[in-house]
């Protein structure tokens, strides 16, 4: 027993010295991320800066023509490769959006597999690349009161490591030279602004997201091992914290006291602080480090091999076979509000134009009906959504349907600066539950006639093991500000103290003369 305890103490001591510095930095950066997120251009910011599409006049080429032009510009994406390339939620649908980029309208065509192509909406020509002159023009339209200047053309820097930007590389970096020292990143593939950041955001990110996610490793020699480094560092940190709790309990006298009158054997100083803070904050340290590791889906523990919703069945028609009798210009004229962007939606065998306003408001209008009675509608009828939902998983039954009028623990909004906070979650939304082996849920957005997301058993487990344990985002609590803020900050301070005391104790031990002589 004495030998086992000795090895327990030795393991905790030396692994703690190596890992607690990282864990302390995670606590600090986590608090920063509560208020300053990684730079991003949210959909609402993007819409707000887009010009009104009504100036396009009698344009534009039909969506099918734009889709064909985009596909012809990517000859390597053959039908066979499209069939073989599957995503987690099945074979994706192509994405088409019409917007003013600079002074001209473009169809932005995505194939659902990390490929983006801009098609001139007037000529129907697919663009190969946008240059620096175009980027400066776009920047002036983005911020008319600014004086933009070219900084550089780059593949990636510390503020553009997101894989979601891969279809847009190389990026053109523009300085707006405004009071906030705003910088824009313009896509060389689609010609649009895809990221903005202020000097304040960039500064705080060096002690926030950049530190938290080991972003300096992105794009460098360690890039391929970055996820593994985080996973195994977190795993080792979890083990260290668990060992520390065990030791702390063993060293604490619950029924008696030590000669110094305390239940802890340490009279004072860093050892006493470490012992007591470990007993109080050790558990939250374990849960936060472990949940952070689980966010990376290590060893694909949250992957599911079960059936996926068939988005093509939900659409009911292929994009290249859909009939577009109504032109985008006619749809804009019927909108009743300034339209900043038009997206194409396929639903229940019909194409629709999704008209977006600068404030995020939307309207749907059937694109296959040129009749004067065809007017925009706010959302798709619930009965129509239910009928289409049955085709999502035709081999399984719908066992429950819920119309959500308020957020719950599985469908909720977050602040824009959070990791997924830029994704708009509108209400009401329709939740459909199937009786498949994975007990799949899908959320249907009536405003956009689309499947918002999918959750199976594994996804719901991840929601609790990562989202809840990492940020305590329980409904009814996360909305209670500043109680939520104070709780997370207090726990973060406790975890930071625990880790810092370990670092100090370890550093002092390494500097002890006896240790130095032994090492020599």
Protein backbone atom coordinates (compact mmCIF):
# COMPACT_ATOMS: atom_id res chain seq x y z
CA UNK A 1 0.00 0.00 0.00
CA UNK A 2 2.82 2.43 0.85
CA UNK A 3 4.53 1.71 -2.49
CA UNK A 4 1.24 2.21 -4.37
CA UNK A 5 0.66 5.54 -2.64
CA UNK A 6 4.20 6.65 -3.40
CA UNK A 7 3.77 5.95 -7.11
CA UNK A 8 0.38 7.68 -7.03
CA UNK A 9 2.00 10.81 -5.58
CA UNK A 10 4.97 10.68 -7.95
CA UNK A 11 2.73 10.25 -11.03
CA UNK A 12 0.51 13.15 -10.00
CA UNK A 13 3.46 15.38 -9.14
CA UNK A 14 5.46 15.09 -12.35
CA UNK A 15 2.60 14.88 -14.83
CA UNK A 16 1.04 17.85 -13.06
CA UNK A 17 4.20 19.91 -13.49
CA UNK A 18 4.13 19.21 -17.22
CA UNK A 19 0.42 19.75 -17.82
CA UNK A 20 -0.94 22.27 -15.31
CA UNK A 21 0.52 25.23 -17.19
CA UNK A 22 -1.57 24.30 -20.23
CA UNK A 23 -4.63 23.79 -18.04
CA UNK A 24 -4.12 27.19 -16.36
CA UNK A 25 -3.96 28.84 -19.78
CA UNK A 26 -7.17 27.06 -20.80
CA UNK A 27 -8.98 28.55 -17.81
CA UNK A 28 -7.79 32.08 -18.60
CA UNK A 29 -8.53 31.86 -22.31
CA UNK A 30 -11.93 30.30 -21.60
CA UNK A 31 -13.01 33.36 -19.62
CA UNK A 32 -11.86 35.65 -22.45
CA UNK A 33 -13.88 33.59 -24.94
CA UNK A 34 -17.02 34.16 -22.88
CA UNK A 35 -16.98 37.74 -24.17
CA UNK A 36 -14.70 37.91 -27.21
CA UNK A 37 -15.01 35.21 -29.84
CA UNK A 38 -12.81 34.26 -32.74
CA UNK A 39 -13.24 36.83 -35.56
CA UNK A 40 -16.07 36.04 -37.92
CA UNK A 41 -18.49 37.76 -40.26
CA UNK A 42 -21.93 36.75 -39.06
CA UNK A 43 -24.78 36.28 -41.58
CA UNK A 44 -26.53 39.38 -40.21
CA UNK A 45 -23.37 41.47 -40.58
CA UNK A 46 -22.91 40.17 -44.09
CA UNK A 47 -26.49 41.01 -45.09
CA UNK A 48 -26.26 44.44 -43.52
CA UNK A 49 -23.25 45.31 -45.70
CA UNK A 50 -24.62 43.90 -48.97
CA UNK A 51 -26.09 46.39 -51.49
CA UNK A 52 -29.79 46.29 -52.33
CA UNK A 53 -30.42 43.78 -55.13
CA UNK A 54 -33.10 45.98 -56.71
CA UNK A 55 -30.34 47.85 -58.56
CA UNK A 56 -29.68 44.73 -60.66
CA UNK A 57 -32.43 45.70 -63.08
CA UNK A 58 -33.50 43.00 -65.51
CA UNK A 59 -30.77 40.49 -64.61
CA UNK A 60 -30.19 37.60 -64.02
CA UNK A 61 -29.37 34.33 -65.70
CA UNK A 62 -31.58 31.51 -64.37
CA UNK A 63 -30.32 29.40 -61.47
CA UNK A 64 -30.03 26.29 -63.64
CA UNK A 65 -27.74 28.11 -66.05
CA UNK A 66 -25.58 29.32 -63.15
CA UNK A 67 -25.39 25.80 -61.75
CA UNK A 68 -24.36 24.39 -65.14
CA UNK A 69 -21.69 27.06 -65.57
CA UNK A 70 -20.27 26.30 -62.12
CA UNK A 71 -20.18 22.56 -62.80
CA UNK A 72 -18.51 23.03 -66.17
CA UNK A 73 -15.81 25.10 -64.48
CA UNK A 74 -15.10 22.09 -62.26
CA UNK A 75 -14.77 19.22 -64.74
CA UNK A 76 -13.05 17.01 -62.18
CA UNK A 77 -16.25 16.89 -60.12
CA UNK A 78 -17.85 14.14 -62.16
CA UNK A 79 -21.16 12.44 -61.43
CA UNK A 80 -19.24 9.39 -60.21
CA UNK A 81 -17.19 11.42 -57.76
CA UNK A 82 -20.30 13.26 -56.57
CA UNK A 83 -21.92 9.91 -55.87
CA UNK A 84 -18.88 8.64 -53.98
CA UNK A 85 -18.42 11.81 -51.93
CA UNK A 86 -20.86 11.60 -49.05
CA UNK A 87 -21.11 13.77 -46.00
CA UNK A 88 -22.24 12.88 -42.53
CA UNK A 89 -25.85 13.72 -43.39
CA UNK A 90 -25.89 12.07 -46.79
CA UNK A 91 -25.43 13.44 -50.28
CA UNK A 92 -25.70 17.24 -50.00
CA UNK A 93 -27.74 19.51 -52.24
CA UNK A 94 -26.10 22.26 -54.30
CA UNK A 95 -26.39 25.76 -52.87
CA UNK A 96 -27.20 28.86 -54.90
CA UNK A 97 -27.29 32.45 -53.66
CA UNK A 98 -27.63 35.68 -55.64
CA UNK A 99 -26.03 38.83 -54.23
CA UNK A 100 -24.34 42.06 -55.27
CA UNK A 101 -20.58 41.61 -54.98
CA UNK A 102 -19.01 44.99 -55.50
CA UNK A 103 -20.95 46.64 -58.31
CA UNK A 104 -22.25 43.51 -60.05
CA UNK A 105 -24.61 40.65 -59.23
CA UNK A 106 -23.21 37.14 -58.92
CA UNK A 107 -24.63 33.71 -58.33
CA UNK A 108 -22.59 32.03 -55.58
CA UNK A 109 -22.73 28.31 -56.25
CA UNK A 110 -21.67 25.71 -53.69
CA UNK A 111 -21.60 21.99 -54.38
CA UNK A 112 -22.07 21.08 -50.69
CA UNK A 113 -18.56 19.63 -50.56
CA UNK A 114 -16.37 22.57 -49.74
CA UNK A 115 -16.34 24.02 -53.26
CA UNK A 116 -17.53 27.54 -54.11
CA UNK A 117 -17.86 29.17 -57.52
CA UNK A 118 -18.98 32.69 -58.45
CA UNK A 119 -20.97 33.01 -61.66
CA UNK A 120 -21.54 36.42 -63.25
CA UNK A 121 -25.32 36.78 -63.07
CA UNK A 122 -25.43 38.95 -66.19
CA UNK A 123 -23.17 37.00 -68.57
CA UNK A 124 -23.48 33.54 -66.99
CA UNK A 125 -19.68 33.15 -66.96
CA UNK A 126 -18.01 31.29 -64.08
CA UNK A 127 -15.23 33.31 -62.52
CA UNK A 128 -11.85 31.69 -61.97
CA UNK A 129 -10.38 34.26 -59.58
CA UNK A 130 -10.94 37.76 -58.24
CA UNK A 131 -7.95 40.09 -58.00
CA UNK A 132 -6.80 42.74 -55.55
CA UNK A 133 -8.49 45.57 -57.46
CA UNK A 134 -11.84 43.86 -57.08
CA UNK A 135 -11.15 43.25 -53.38
CA UNK A 136 -10.56 46.97 -52.81
CA UNK A 137 -13.81 47.79 -54.63
CA UNK A 138 -15.72 45.31 -52.44
CA UNK A 139 -14.12 46.80 -49.32
CA UNK A 140 -15.25 50.31 -50.33
CA UNK A 141 -18.81 49.04 -50.80
CA UNK A 142 -18.59 47.20 -47.48
CA UNK A 143 -17.61 50.37 -45.59
CA UNK A 144 -18.22 53.48 -47.76
CA UNK A 145 -16.80 55.87 -45.14
CA UNK A 146 -13.45 54.06 -44.98
CA UNK A 147 -10.24 54.34 -47.00
CA UNK A 148 -9.29 50.71 -47.74
CA UNK A 149 -5.78 49.68 -48.67
CA UNK A 150 -4.25 46.37 -49.68
CA UNK A 151 -2.26 44.56 -47.00
CA UNK A 152 -1.39 41.21 -48.54
CA UNK A 153 -2.57 38.14 -50.40
CA UNK A 154 -2.20 35.09 -48.19
CA UNK A 155 -3.25 31.51 -47.87
CA UNK A 156 -3.79 31.59 -44.10
CA UNK A 157 -2.90 33.56 -41.01
CA UNK A 158 -3.69 33.19 -37.31
CA UNK A 159 -7.16 34.74 -37.77
CA UNK A 160 -8.21 32.61 -40.75
CA UNK A 161 -7.41 29.06 -39.68
CA UNK A 162 -11.04 27.86 -39.92
CA UNK A 163 -11.52 25.04 -42.40
CA UNK A 164 -14.75 26.68 -43.47
CA UNK A 165 -12.61 29.25 -45.28
CA UNK A 166 -10.80 26.64 -47.39
CA UNK A 167 -13.08 27.15 -50.45
CA UNK A 168 -12.09 30.84 -50.50
CA UNK A 169 -8.30 30.61 -50.39
CA UNK A 170 -6.10 32.42 -51.20
CA UNK A 171 -7.48 35.36 -49.24
CA UNK A 172 -6.99 39.06 -49.90
CA UNK A 173 -6.40 41.03 -46.71
CA UNK A 174 -7.62 44.64 -46.71
CA UNK A 175 -7.19 47.36 -44.07
CA UNK A 176 -10.13 49.77 -43.80
CA UNK A 177 -7.99 52.35 -41.96
CA UNK A 178 -10.90 53.30 -39.72
CA UNK A 179 -10.98 54.14 -36.01
CA UNK A 180 -11.37 50.46 -35.03
CA UNK A 181 -8.49 49.37 -37.31
CA UNK A 182 -10.83 46.95 -39.04
CA UNK A 183 -9.37 44.38 -41.40
CA UNK A 184 -11.32 42.47 -44.05
CA UNK A 185 -10.57 39.20 -45.76
CA UNK A 186 -11.93 38.90 -49.29
CA UNK A 187 -12.33 35.57 -51.06
CA UNK A 188 -10.36 35.20 -54.26
CA UNK A 189 -12.86 32.53 -55.35
CA UNK A 190 -16.20 34.26 -54.80
CA UNK A 191 -15.05 37.88 -54.51
CA UNK A 192 -17.03 38.52 -51.31
CA UNK A 193 -15.99 39.62 -47.84
CA UNK A 194 -15.86 36.48 -45.74
CA UNK A 195 -14.28 37.75 -42.49
CA UNK A 196 -13.77 40.97 -40.59
CA UNK A 197 -11.96 41.79 -37.39
CA UNK A 198 -11.20 44.85 -35.29
CA UNK A 199 -7.97 45.58 -33.44
CA UNK A 200 -9.75 44.92 -30.14
CA UNK A 201 -10.91 41.48 -31.29
CA UNK A 202 -7.50 40.54 -32.60
CA UNK A 203 -5.76 41.64 -29.41
CA UNK A 204 -8.02 39.70 -27.06
CA UNK A 205 -7.86 36.60 -29.25
CA UNK A 206 -4.19 36.15 -28.51
CA UNK A 207 -5.20 35.34 -24.93
CA UNK A 208 -8.52 33.82 -26.00
CA UNK A 209 -9.31 31.50 -28.90
CA UNK A 210 -5.79 31.43 -30.34
CA UNK A 211 -4.40 30.22 -27.02
CA UNK A 212 -7.34 27.97 -26.20
CA UNK A 213 -7.33 26.01 -29.46
CA UNK A 214 -3.57 25.89 -30.09
CA UNK A 215 -4.08 27.85 -33.30
CA UNK A 216 -0.34 28.62 -33.68
CA UNK A 217 0.02 24.95 -34.66
CA UNK A 218 -2.40 25.37 -37.58
CA UNK A 219 -0.79 25.43 -40.99
CA UNK A 220 2.66 24.67 -39.63
CA UNK A 221 4.64 21.46 -39.17
CA UNK A 222 2.37 20.27 -36.32
CA UNK A 223 -0.90 20.94 -38.16
CA UNK A 224 -1.62 17.29 -38.89
CA UNK A 225 -1.09 16.41 -35.23
CA UNK A 226 -2.78 19.44 -33.69
CA UNK A 227 -6.03 17.63 -32.86
CA UNK A 228 -4.12 14.69 -31.39
CA UNK A 229 -1.97 17.05 -29.31
CA UNK A 230 -5.09 18.67 -27.84
CA UNK A 231 -6.85 15.32 -27.32
CA UNK A 232 -3.97 13.59 -25.56
CA UNK A 233 -3.00 16.67 -23.56
CA UNK A 234 -6.61 16.93 -22.37
CA UNK A 235 -6.76 13.22 -21.63
CA UNK A 236 -3.56 13.39 -19.59
CA UNK A 237 -4.86 16.50 -17.81
CA UNK A 238 -8.07 14.65 -16.92
CA UNK A 239 -6.07 11.78 -15.44
CA UNK A 240 -3.86 14.20 -13.49
CA UNK A 241 -6.91 15.96 -12.06
CA UNK A 242 -8.54 12.65 -11.09
CA UNK A 243 -5.36 11.50 -9.37
CA UNK A 244 -5.19 14.83 -7.57
CA UNK A 245 -8.75 14.46 -6.25
CA UNK A 246 -7.92 10.97 -5.03
CA UNK A 247 -4.76 12.15 -3.28
CA UNK A 248 -6.55 15.16 -1.85
CA UNK A 249 -9.22 12.96 -0.30
CA UNK A 250 -6.58 10.54 1.06
CA UNK A 251 -4.66 13.41 2.66
CA UNK A 252 -7.73 15.08 4.20
CA UNK A 253 -8.73 13.98 7.71
CA UNK A 254 -12.51 13.88 7.90
CA UNK A 255 -12.82 12.53 11.47
CA UNK A 256 -9.77 14.01 13.18
CA UNK A 257 -7.15 16.69 12.79
CA UNK A 258 -3.39 16.87 12.29
CA UNK A 259 -1.05 18.22 14.96
CA UNK A 260 -1.32 21.67 13.42
CA UNK A 261 -5.05 21.68 14.16
CA UNK A 262 -6.03 21.48 10.51
CA UNK A 263 -7.62 18.66 8.56
CA UNK A 264 -4.98 19.25 5.89
CA UNK A 265 -1.41 18.14 6.61
CA UNK A 266 -0.03 21.37 5.16
CA UNK A 267 0.36 24.31 7.52
CA UNK A 268 0.16 26.95 4.85
CA UNK A 269 1.70 28.27 1.67
CA UNK A 270 1.33 26.91 -1.84
CA UNK A 271 0.86 23.28 -0.79
CA UNK A 272 -2.10 24.15 1.43
CA UNK A 273 -3.66 26.31 -1.30
CA UNK A 274 -3.19 23.48 -3.78
CA UNK A 275 -4.73 20.88 -1.47
CA UNK A 276 -7.81 22.92 -0.58
CA UNK A 277 -8.41 24.31 -4.09
CA UNK A 278 -8.08 20.78 -5.47
CA UNK A 279 -10.77 19.49 -3.13
CA UNK A 280 -13.10 22.37 -4.02
CA UNK A 281 -12.40 22.83 -7.73
CA UNK A 282 -10.91 19.48 -8.74
CA UNK A 283 -14.20 18.10 -10.07
CA UNK A 284 -14.96 21.10 -12.29
CA UNK A 285 -11.39 20.91 -13.60
CA UNK A 286 -11.98 17.30 -14.58
CA UNK A 287 -15.29 18.04 -16.30
CA UNK A 288 -13.99 21.06 -18.22
CA UNK A 289 -10.81 19.42 -19.44
CA UNK A 290 -12.63 16.21 -20.35
CA UNK A 291 -15.50 17.99 -22.13
CA UNK A 292 -13.01 20.11 -24.05
CA UNK A 293 -11.39 16.92 -25.31
CA UNK A 294 -14.79 15.48 -26.30
CA UNK A 295 -15.53 18.56 -28.43
CA UNK A 296 -13.00 17.20 -30.95
CA UNK A 297 -14.89 13.90 -31.19
CA UNK A 298 -11.80 11.82 -30.30
CA UNK A 299 -11.63 8.42 -31.96
CA UNK A 300 -15.02 9.27 -33.57
CA UNK A 301 -16.87 8.30 -30.40
CA UNK A 302 -19.88 10.37 -31.47
CA UNK A 303 -20.06 9.06 -35.02
CA UNK A 304 -23.13 7.07 -35.97
CA UNK A 305 -23.42 4.47 -38.71
CA UNK A 306 -27.21 4.60 -38.70
CA UNK A 307 -29.47 5.84 -41.51
CA UNK A 308 -29.27 9.51 -42.46
CA UNK A 309 -32.11 11.78 -43.59
CA UNK A 310 -32.35 11.89 -47.37
CA UNK A 311 -32.27 15.57 -48.30
CA UNK A 312 -33.01 14.79 -51.94
CA UNK A 313 -36.29 13.17 -50.96
CA UNK A 314 -37.14 16.24 -48.89
CA UNK A 315 -36.37 18.49 -51.88
CA UNK A 316 -38.43 16.30 -54.20
CA UNK A 317 -36.70 17.61 -57.33
CA UNK A 318 -33.13 18.04 -58.56
CA UNK A 319 -31.82 21.57 -59.05
CA UNK A 320 -30.99 20.98 -62.71
CA UNK A 321 -34.54 19.75 -63.38
CA UNK A 322 -36.48 22.35 -61.43
CA UNK A 323 -38.62 24.80 -63.40
CA UNK A 324 -37.89 28.49 -62.84
CA UNK A 325 -40.74 30.43 -64.41
CA UNK A 326 -40.31 33.44 -62.12
CA UNK A 327 -37.15 35.48 -62.63
CA UNK A 328 -35.10 36.79 -59.70
CA UNK A 329 -35.94 40.35 -60.76
CA UNK A 330 -39.67 39.61 -60.60
CA UNK A 331 -39.24 37.98 -57.19
CA UNK A 332 -37.44 41.10 -55.93
CA UNK A 333 -40.23 43.33 -57.26
CA UNK A 334 -42.83 41.31 -55.33
CA UNK A 335 -40.87 41.14 -52.08
CA UNK A 336 -42.24 44.28 -50.46
CA UNK A 337 -38.89 45.03 -48.78
CA UNK A 338 -35.30 45.74 -49.91
CA UNK A 339 -33.76 42.36 -50.80
CA UNK A 340 -30.08 41.87 -50.04
CA UNK A 341 -29.77 38.23 -51.10
CA UNK A 342 -31.75 35.52 -52.85
CA UNK A 343 -31.17 31.86 -52.08
CA UNK A 344 -32.72 28.95 -53.95
CA UNK A 345 -34.59 26.33 -51.93
CA UNK A 346 -36.00 23.03 -53.17
CA UNK A 347 -38.97 21.73 -51.22
CA UNK A 348 -41.63 19.09 -51.90
CA UNK A 349 -40.93 18.98 -55.64
CA UNK A 350 -40.92 22.76 -56.16
CA UNK A 351 -38.22 25.45 -56.29
CA UNK A 352 -38.54 28.55 -54.10
CA UNK A 353 -36.69 31.82 -53.86
CA UNK A 354 -35.71 32.69 -50.30
CA UNK A 355 -35.57 36.48 -50.12
CA UNK A 356 -33.42 37.94 -47.34
CA UNK A 357 -33.57 41.45 -45.88
CA UNK A 358 -30.73 43.33 -44.20
CA UNK A 359 -32.16 42.60 -40.73
CA UNK A 360 -32.28 38.84 -41.32
CA UNK A 361 -35.98 38.80 -42.17
CA UNK A 362 -37.00 36.37 -44.90
CA UNK A 363 -39.82 35.58 -47.29
CA UNK A 364 -40.41 32.62 -49.61
CA UNK A 365 -41.91 32.78 -53.07
CA UNK A 366 -42.51 29.90 -55.49
CA UNK A 367 -40.05 30.11 -58.36
CA UNK A 368 -42.06 27.89 -60.73
CA UNK A 369 -45.12 30.18 -60.84
CA UNK A 370 -45.03 33.40 -62.82
CA UNK A 371 -48.69 34.18 -62.13
CA UNK A 372 -49.64 37.49 -60.56
CA UNK A 373 -51.28 35.70 -57.62
CA UNK A 374 -47.94 34.21 -56.60
CA UNK A 375 -46.95 36.35 -53.62
CA UNK A 376 -44.21 35.98 -50.99
CA UNK A 377 -45.10 34.12 -47.80
CA UNK A 378 -43.50 34.28 -44.37
CA UNK A 379 -43.17 30.51 -43.93
CA UNK A 380 -44.18 27.11 -45.23
CA UNK A 381 -47.38 25.65 -43.78
CA UNK A 382 -46.85 23.07 -41.05
CA UNK A 383 -48.91 20.45 -42.90
CA UNK A 384 -46.62 20.74 -45.93
CA UNK A 385 -43.53 20.38 -43.76
CA UNK A 386 -44.95 17.25 -42.13
CA UNK A 387 -45.76 15.69 -45.49
CA UNK A 388 -42.22 16.31 -46.76
CA UNK A 389 -40.69 15.13 -43.47
CA UNK A 390 -42.09 11.63 -44.00
CA UNK A 391 -39.84 11.32 -47.07
CA UNK A 392 -36.68 12.15 -45.11
CA UNK A 393 -36.48 8.63 -43.72
CA UNK A 394 -39.00 6.59 -45.74
CA UNK A 395 -38.06 3.29 -44.07
CA UNK A 396 -39.01 4.57 -40.61
CA UNK A 397 -42.06 6.08 -38.97
CA UNK A 398 -42.50 9.50 -37.44
CA UNK A 399 -43.33 8.85 -33.78
CA UNK A 400 -43.55 12.41 -32.46
CA UNK A 401 -43.92 15.92 -33.82
CA UNK A 402 -43.31 19.01 -31.70
CA UNK A 403 -43.77 22.63 -32.64
CA UNK A 404 -41.23 24.57 -30.61
CA UNK A 405 -42.40 28.07 -29.71
CA UNK A 406 -39.53 28.60 -27.26
CA UNK A 407 -35.99 27.30 -26.90
CA UNK A 408 -35.19 24.12 -25.00
CA UNK A 409 -32.01 22.21 -24.14
CA UNK A 410 -31.59 20.84 -27.67
CA UNK A 411 -32.60 23.82 -29.79
CA UNK A 412 -31.44 27.21 -28.56
CA UNK A 413 -29.68 30.38 -29.64
CA UNK A 414 -26.29 31.55 -28.44
CA UNK A 415 -24.57 34.92 -28.52
CA UNK A 416 -23.02 35.74 -31.92
CA UNK A 417 -19.41 35.62 -30.67
CA UNK A 418 -19.75 32.02 -29.44
CA UNK A 419 -18.50 29.13 -31.54
CA UNK A 420 -21.87 28.44 -33.18
CA UNK A 421 -23.57 31.66 -32.14
CA UNK A 422 -23.56 33.07 -35.67
CA UNK A 423 -25.96 30.33 -36.79
CA UNK A 424 -29.46 31.77 -36.59
CA UNK A 425 -32.03 29.65 -34.76
CA UNK A 426 -35.47 31.07 -35.36
CA UNK A 427 -38.78 30.21 -33.75
CA UNK A 428 -41.11 28.49 -34.28
CA UNK A 429 -39.38 25.35 -35.53
CA UNK A 430 -40.73 21.85 -36.10
CA UNK A 431 -39.05 18.87 -34.40
CA UNK A 432 -39.64 15.49 -36.03
CA UNK A 433 -38.69 12.27 -34.20
CA UNK A 434 -38.24 8.94 -36.02
CA UNK A 435 -38.23 5.35 -34.78
CA UNK A 436 -34.93 4.42 -36.46
CA UNK A 437 -32.20 2.67 -34.41
CA UNK A 438 -30.48 5.98 -33.66
CA UNK A 439 -33.74 7.69 -32.62
CA UNK A 440 -33.11 10.51 -35.07
CA UNK A 441 -34.52 13.98 -34.58
CA UNK A 442 -34.62 16.61 -37.30
CA UNK A 443 -35.51 20.28 -36.91
CA UNK A 444 -37.36 21.79 -39.86
CA UNK A 445 -37.20 25.54 -40.39
CA UNK A 446 -40.52 26.79 -41.83
CA UNK A 447 -38.95 30.16 -42.72
CA UNK A 448 -36.44 28.63 -45.12
CA UNK A 449 -38.16 25.33 -46.06
CA UNK A 450 -35.08 23.40 -45.04
CA UNK A 451 -33.70 20.85 -42.59
CA UNK A 452 -31.92 22.90 -39.94
CA UNK A 453 -30.06 20.04 -38.26
CA UNK A 454 -30.13 16.39 -37.26
CA UNK A 455 -29.62 14.85 -33.82
CA UNK A 456 -29.38 11.16 -33.02
CA UNK A 457 -28.55 9.41 -29.75
CA UNK A 458 -24.83 10.13 -30.16
CA UNK A 459 -25.47 13.79 -30.93
CA UNK A 460 -27.65 14.22 -27.87
CA UNK A 461 -25.04 12.56 -25.65
CA UNK A 462 -22.40 14.92 -27.04
CA UNK A 463 -24.68 17.85 -26.32
CA UNK A 464 -24.54 17.01 -22.59
CA UNK A 465 -20.94 15.80 -22.36
CA UNK A 466 -19.54 18.77 -24.25
CA UNK A 467 -21.93 21.73 -24.41
CA UNK A 468 -23.39 21.38 -20.93
CA UNK A 469 -20.25 20.32 -19.07
CA UNK A 470 -18.12 22.92 -20.85
CA UNK A 471 -20.37 25.99 -20.64
CA UNK A 472 -23.28 25.07 -18.32
CA UNK A 473 -25.73 26.07 -21.08
CA UNK A 474 -28.79 24.72 -19.27
CA UNK A 475 -31.98 26.53 -20.23
CA UNK A 476 -33.18 28.75 -17.42
CA UNK A 477 -29.62 29.21 -16.15
CA UNK A 478 -27.63 30.51 -19.10
CA UNK A 479 -30.25 33.27 -19.61
CA UNK A 480 -29.88 34.43 -16.02
CA UNK A 481 -27.14 37.01 -16.42
CA UNK A 482 -24.98 37.91 -14.58
CA UNK A 483 -25.51 34.79 -12.42
CA UNK A 484 -24.23 32.55 -15.23
CA UNK A 485 -21.19 34.83 -15.79
CA UNK A 486 -20.34 34.98 -12.10
CA UNK A 487 -20.60 31.19 -11.72
CA UNK A 488 -18.31 30.40 -14.65
CA UNK A 489 -15.79 33.09 -13.75
CA UNK A 490 -15.65 31.96 -10.11
CA UNK A 491 -15.14 28.33 -11.14
CA UNK A 492 -12.52 29.38 -13.68
CA UNK A 493 -10.63 31.34 -11.02
CA UNK A 494 -10.72 28.29 -8.76
CA UNK A 495 -9.41 26.04 -11.51
CA UNK A 496 -6.73 28.60 -12.39
CA UNK A 497 -5.58 28.80 -8.76
CA UNK A 498 -5.44 25.00 -8.59
CA UNK A 499 -3.29 24.80 -11.72
CA UNK A 500 -1.03 27.75 -10.86
CA UNK A 501 -0.27 26.38 -7.40
CA UNK A 502 0.75 23.13 -9.06
CA UNK A 503 3.05 24.99 -11.46
CA UNK A 504 4.67 26.96 -8.64
CA UNK A 505 5.14 23.87 -6.48
CA UNK A 506 6.63 21.97 -9.40
CA UNK A 507 8.94 24.85 -10.34
CA UNK A 508 10.22 25.13 -6.78
CA UNK A 509 10.83 21.42 -6.62
CA UNK A 510 12.76 21.45 -9.89
CA UNK A 511 14.95 24.27 -8.54
CA UNK A 512 15.75 22.51 -5.27
CA UNK A 513 19.54 21.96 -4.88
CA UNK A 514 19.07 18.29 -4.04
CA UNK A 515 17.13 17.76 -7.25
CA UNK A 516 19.68 19.68 -9.28
CA UNK A 517 22.57 17.57 -7.93
CA UNK A 518 20.64 14.38 -8.59
CA UNK A 519 19.92 15.47 -12.12
CA UNK A 520 23.61 16.18 -12.69
